[in-house]
Amino acid sequence: MNGLSRRCLLAASGGLLGVGVLGLAATAAGGEAVAPRRKLKIVVAGAHPDDPESGCGGTIARLSDAGHEVVALYLTRGERGIQGKSLEQAAAIRTAEAEKACKILGARPVFADQIDGDTEVNQRRYADFRGLLEAQRPDVVFTHWPVDTHRDHRACSHLVYDAWLGLGKRFALYYFEVLTGEQTQNFAPTDYVDIGATEARKREATMAHVSQNPEEFYPLHDRMNRFRGDESGCKFAEAFIRQVQAMGSDLLDHGFPSSSWGG
């Protein structure tokens, strides 16, 4: 990286995760957006409605704005997330909130239909999730970092990782953080995305999850956005850990420079 490792390079280069590894639109001299070299399929897998949004909503918005297809894949519908509501009632409310949030970010929601608070990691669930992810044919997948105090977050991460192995490591894999220190643990970023232009939409999408009292927890994410921005030289940033064995050569085959990878 020639001394630019761990720097937030988006503002200068228009790239993602260190100079364009996912093909975010660059900006031409006249200020107009330059179309990506090819349209990528991005899947962001989270355990509950609001996890993809709070973990990497700014990045989702940047990718969709750049012309890529983004799917928010929710492992559950947040069935146990509303006190006093049945599982079915909470699922309906939180599904509608997720759909609203996805519209704000330019993503498409998909649900794996496990149950909040009762997620399973076993032979059948591994096979089901791998089939679901294979059907999406992703170029890049983001999911929870597996060292996390929440069992559902860990389950989601393990299901994604197993699918990545079973599908021949053929998509790039990144891990995001949620409520680091309280939930995500031992998170040492390899890459950053400048979300200065999309932080407001990340906030709006997170606030769409009204049932979760986002005004109480979003300040913690705001603090993370600012801290990761301080680390990487931006006002607001999201941080990621790259799975080092994932698909670097195929991304390079599509025209991304070898210096793209942070680390």
Protein backbone atom coordinates (compact mmCIF):
# COMPACT_ATOMS: atom_id res chain seq x y z
CA MET A 1 0.00 0.00 0.00
CA ASN A 2 3.07 2.28 -0.15
CA GLY A 3 2.43 3.85 3.24
CA LEU A 4 -1.29 4.39 2.61
CA SER A 5 -2.45 1.34 4.55
CA ARG A 6 -5.37 2.02 6.93
CA ARG A 7 -6.01 5.38 5.28
CA CYS A 8 -9.45 6.48 4.21
CA LEU A 9 -8.77 6.95 0.52
CA LEU A 10 -12.27 7.42 -0.82
CA ALA A 11 -12.35 11.19 -0.83
CA ALA A 12 -9.23 11.39 -2.93
CA SER A 13 -9.67 8.40 -5.21
CA GLY A 14 -13.33 7.46 -5.36
CA GLY A 15 -12.38 3.92 -4.41
CA LEU A 16 -13.69 1.59 -1.73
CA LEU A 17 -11.86 -0.28 0.99
CA GLY A 18 -8.59 1.24 -0.15
CA VAL A 19 -8.73 2.64 -3.69
CA GLY A 20 -11.63 1.02 -5.45
CA VAL A 21 -11.58 -2.66 -4.63
CA LEU A 22 -15.35 -2.82 -5.06
CA GLY A 23 -15.50 -0.45 -7.99
CA LEU A 24 -17.27 2.52 -6.44
CA ALA A 25 -17.86 5.29 -8.91
CA ALA A 26 -14.97 7.67 -9.26
CA THR A 27 -15.42 11.36 -10.00
CA ALA A 28 -14.28 12.81 -13.28
CA ALA A 29 -12.53 16.18 -13.56
CA GLY A 30 -15.83 17.91 -14.28
CA GLY A 31 -17.42 16.44 -11.15
CA GLU A 32 -19.71 13.93 -12.85
CA ALA A 33 -19.82 10.32 -11.60
CA VAL A 34 -17.99 7.73 -13.65
CA ALA A 35 -19.83 4.43 -14.08
CA PRO A 36 -18.24 1.38 -12.43
CA ARG A 37 -16.26 -0.94 -14.68
CA ARG A 38 -18.89 -3.60 -14.04
CA LYS A 39 -21.97 -3.88 -11.87
CA LEU A 40 -21.30 -5.95 -8.77
CA LYS A 41 -23.68 -7.92 -6.59
CA ILE A 42 -23.20 -7.09 -2.91
CA VAL A 43 -24.84 -8.99 -0.03
CA VAL A 44 -24.83 -7.55 3.49
CA ALA A 45 -25.84 -10.28 5.94
CA GLY A 46 -27.03 -9.26 9.39
CA ALA A 47 -28.69 -11.16 12.20
CA HIS A 48 -31.61 -8.78 12.72
CA PRO A 49 -33.37 -5.89 11.02
CA ASP A 50 -31.16 -2.85 11.77
CA ASP A 51 -27.82 -4.75 11.85
CA PRO A 52 -26.85 -4.15 8.19
CA GLU A 53 -28.02 -0.54 8.47
CA SER A 54 -26.16 0.29 11.68
CA GLY A 55 -23.09 -1.78 10.79
CA CYS A 56 -22.47 -0.52 7.28
CA GLY A 57 -25.41 1.57 6.11
CA GLY A 58 -23.14 4.31 4.80
CA THR A 59 -21.25 1.82 2.67
CA ILE A 60 -24.49 0.28 1.40
CA ALA A 61 -25.64 3.72 0.26
CA ARG A 62 -22.31 4.42 -1.45
CA LEU A 63 -22.44 1.12 -3.31
CA SER A 64 -26.03 1.54 -4.46
CA ASP A 65 -25.33 5.13 -5.53
CA ALA A 66 -22.41 3.83 -7.59
CA GLY A 67 -24.74 1.56 -9.57
CA HIS A 68 -24.13 -1.75 -7.82
CA GLU A 69 -26.89 -4.12 -6.69
CA VAL A 70 -27.06 -4.44 -2.91
CA VAL A 71 -29.06 -7.04 -1.00
CA ALA A 72 -29.65 -6.76 2.75
CA LEU A 73 -29.92 -10.36 3.93
CA TYR A 74 -31.55 -10.61 7.35
CA LEU A 75 -31.09 -13.90 9.21
CA THR A 76 -34.22 -13.21 11.31
CA ARG A 77 -37.14 -10.80 11.32
CA GLY A 78 -36.43 -9.58 14.85
CA GLU A 79 -39.25 -11.63 16.36
CA ARG A 80 -38.22 -11.09 19.98
CA GLY A 81 -37.32 -7.46 19.58
CA ILE A 82 -40.53 -5.77 20.75
CA GLN A 83 -41.66 -6.23 24.32
CA GLY A 84 -45.33 -7.13 24.68
CA LYS A 85 -45.71 -8.28 21.06
CA SER A 86 -46.05 -11.86 19.86
CA LEU A 87 -43.34 -13.26 17.60
CA GLU A 88 -45.63 -12.84 14.61
CA GLN A 89 -46.59 -9.27 15.49
CA ALA A 90 -42.99 -8.20 16.08
CA ALA A 91 -41.86 -9.88 12.87
CA ALA A 92 -44.45 -7.97 10.84
CA ILE A 93 -43.49 -4.63 12.39
CA ARG A 94 -39.76 -5.14 12.04
CA THR A 95 -40.03 -6.50 8.50
CA ALA A 96 -41.83 -3.31 7.46
CA GLU A 97 -39.14 -1.22 9.16
CA ALA A 98 -36.40 -3.14 7.33
CA GLU A 99 -38.13 -2.63 4.00
CA LYS A 100 -38.37 1.11 4.66
CA ALA A 101 -34.70 1.28 5.65
CA CYS A 102 -33.68 -0.58 2.49
CA LYS A 103 -35.55 1.91 0.33
CA ILE A 104 -33.61 4.72 1.97
CA LEU A 105 -30.28 3.02 1.28
CA GLY A 106 -31.12 1.65 -2.18
CA ALA A 107 -30.94 -2.00 -1.14
CA ARG A 108 -33.27 -4.97 -1.58
CA PRO A 109 -34.32 -6.95 1.53
CA VAL A 110 -34.14 -10.75 1.69
CA PHE A 111 -35.03 -12.81 4.77
CA ALA A 112 -33.54 -16.16 5.79
CA ASP A 113 -36.43 -16.74 8.21
CA GLN A 114 -34.65 -18.05 11.26
CA ILE A 115 -36.09 -16.91 14.59
CA ASP A 116 -34.64 -14.06 16.63
CA GLY A 117 -33.13 -15.39 19.85
CA ASP A 118 -33.36 -18.99 18.65
CA THR A 119 -30.96 -19.04 15.70
CA GLU A 120 -29.44 -22.39 14.81
CA VAL A 121 -26.08 -23.42 13.41
CA ASN A 122 -26.25 -27.05 12.36
CA GLN A 123 -25.94 -29.21 9.27
CA ARG A 124 -29.38 -28.33 7.90
CA ARG A 125 -29.03 -24.61 8.58
CA TYR A 126 -25.57 -24.53 7.00
CA ALA A 127 -26.98 -26.15 3.85
CA ASP A 128 -30.04 -23.89 3.74
CA PHE A 129 -28.03 -20.71 4.17
CA ARG A 130 -25.42 -21.75 1.62
CA GLY A 131 -28.21 -22.36 -0.89
CA LEU A 132 -29.73 -18.96 -0.15
CA LEU A 133 -26.42 -17.18 -0.55
CA GLU A 134 -25.50 -19.16 -3.67
CA ALA A 135 -28.78 -18.09 -5.27
CA GLN A 136 -27.76 -14.46 -4.84
CA ARG A 137 -24.49 -15.04 -6.73
CA PRO A 138 -22.60 -12.35 -4.80
CA ASP A 139 -19.30 -10.81 -5.75
CA VAL A 140 -18.84 -9.42 -2.24
CA VAL A 141 -20.40 -10.29 1.12
CA PHE A 142 -20.31 -8.29 4.35
CA THR A 143 -21.31 -9.85 7.68
CA HIS A 144 -20.79 -9.67 11.43
CA TRP A 145 -17.34 -10.15 12.94
CA PRO A 146 -17.70 -13.52 14.74
CA VAL A 147 -16.23 -12.43 18.08
CA ASP A 148 -19.43 -10.90 19.44
CA THR A 149 -21.40 -11.11 22.66
CA HIS A 150 -24.71 -11.66 20.79
CA ARG A 151 -25.39 -15.28 19.85
CA ASP A 152 -27.43 -14.34 16.77
CA HIS A 153 -24.56 -12.21 15.47
CA ARG A 154 -22.17 -15.12 15.92
CA ALA A 155 -24.59 -17.50 14.21
CA CYS A 156 -24.93 -15.21 11.20
CA SER A 157 -21.17 -14.86 10.88
CA HIS A 158 -20.58 -18.61 11.10
CA LEU A 159 -23.26 -19.35 8.50
CA VAL A 160 -21.73 -16.85 6.08
CA TYR A 161 -18.21 -18.14 6.66
CA ASP A 162 -19.30 -21.75 6.10
CA ALA A 163 -21.07 -20.74 2.89
CA TRP A 164 -17.92 -18.93 1.73
CA LEU A 165 -15.93 -22.11 2.29
CA GLY A 166 -18.54 -24.36 0.69
CA LEU A 167 -18.86 -22.14 -2.36
CA GLY A 168 -15.14 -22.27 -3.04
CA LYS A 169 -14.21 -18.88 -1.56
CA ARG A 170 -15.42 -17.29 -4.76
CA PHE A 171 -16.70 -14.02 -3.30
CA ALA A 172 -14.81 -11.37 -1.40
CA LEU A 173 -15.67 -11.43 2.31
CA TYR A 174 -15.61 -8.54 4.79
CA TYR A 175 -16.70 -8.29 8.42
CA PHE A 176 -18.40 -5.26 9.97
CA GLU A 177 -18.78 -4.14 13.58
CA VAL A 178 -21.83 -3.30 15.68
CA LEU A 179 -21.63 -1.57 19.05
CA THR A 180 -17.95 -2.35 19.43
CA GLY A 181 -16.99 -2.86 23.04
CA GLU A 182 -20.54 -3.79 24.02
CA GLN A 183 -21.15 -6.43 21.34
CA THR A 184 -18.34 -6.69 18.76
CA GLN A 185 -15.04 -7.59 20.46
CA ASN A 186 -11.35 -7.57 19.39
CA PHE A 187 -12.11 -5.73 16.15
CA ALA A 188 -8.94 -4.49 14.42
CA PRO A 189 -9.91 -2.94 11.07
CA THR A 190 -8.01 -3.60 7.86
CA ASP A 191 -10.09 -1.23 5.70
CA TYR A 192 -12.20 1.90 6.01
CA VAL A 193 -14.92 3.56 3.94
CA ASP A 194 -15.51 7.31 4.03
CA ILE A 195 -19.25 7.74 4.66
CA GLY A 196 -19.25 11.51 4.95
CA ALA A 197 -21.58 11.84 1.95
CA THR A 198 -23.96 9.09 3.12
CA GLU A 199 -23.91 9.32 6.92
CA ALA A 200 -27.23 11.18 6.95
CA ARG A 201 -28.90 8.35 5.02
CA LYS A 202 -27.34 5.76 7.33
CA ARG A 203 -28.83 7.67 10.24
CA GLU A 204 -32.23 7.93 8.52
CA ALA A 205 -32.26 4.21 7.69
CA THR A 206 -31.37 3.28 11.26
CA MET A 207 -34.02 5.62 12.58
CA ALA A 208 -36.57 3.79 10.40
CA HIS A 209 -36.41 1.00 12.99
CA VAL A 210 -38.73 2.93 15.29
CA SER A 211 -39.63 -0.11 17.39
CA GLN A 212 -36.01 -0.38 18.57
CA ASN A 213 -35.83 3.12 20.07
CA PRO A 214 -32.96 4.15 17.76
CA GLU A 215 -32.62 7.55 19.38
CA GLU A 216 -31.18 5.67 22.35
CA PHE A 217 -28.63 3.48 20.54
CA TYR A 218 -27.70 5.51 17.46
CA PRO A 219 -25.50 7.91 19.44
CA LEU A 220 -23.22 4.93 20.09
CA HIS A 221 -22.96 4.30 16.35
CA ASP A 222 -22.42 7.99 15.73
CA ARG A 223 -19.49 7.83 18.14
CA MET A 224 -18.10 4.83 16.23
CA ASN A 225 -18.53 6.59 12.88
CA ARG A 226 -16.58 9.56 14.18
CA PHE A 227 -13.91 7.45 15.86
CA ARG A 228 -13.30 5.38 12.72
CA GLY A 229 -13.20 8.65 10.80
CA ASP A 230 -10.54 9.98 13.16
CA GLU A 231 -8.54 6.77 12.68
CA SER A 232 -8.64 6.99 8.93
CA GLY A 233 -8.55 10.71 8.21
CA CYS A 234 -12.24 11.27 7.43
CA LYS A 235 -15.09 12.93 9.30
CA PHE A 236 -17.22 9.77 9.32
CA ALA A 237 -16.08 6.26 8.37
CA GLU A 238 -17.09 2.63 8.65
CA ALA A 239 -14.45 0.03 9.39
CA PHE A 240 -14.08 -3.54 8.14
CA ILE A 241 -11.90 -6.60 8.49
CA ARG A 242 -11.04 -8.31 5.21
CA GLN A 243 -10.97 -12.10 4.95
CA VAL A 244 -7.50 -12.36 3.47
CA GLN A 245 -8.03 -15.52 1.41
CA ALA A 246 -11.08 -14.17 -0.37
CA MET A 247 -11.10 -13.65 -4.11
CA GLY A 248 -8.37 -11.05 -4.51
CA SER A 249 -7.24 -12.47 -7.85
CA ASP A 250 -10.69 -12.43 -9.46
CA LEU A 251 -11.25 -8.85 -8.38
CA LEU A 252 -7.92 -7.95 -9.91
CA ASP A 253 -9.03 -9.69 -13.11
CA HIS A 254 -11.83 -7.14 -13.34
CA GLY A 255 -9.44 -4.24 -13.42
CA PHE A 256 -8.88 -3.35 -9.78
CA PRO A 257 -5.28 -2.40 -9.08
CA SER A 258 -3.17 -4.61 -6.81
CA SER A 259 -2.71 -1.65 -4.47
CA SER A 260 -6.46 -1.72 -3.82
CA TRP A 261 -6.22 -4.01 -0.84
CA GLY A 262 -5.64 -2.39 2.50
CA GLY A 263 -3.84 -4.16 5.29
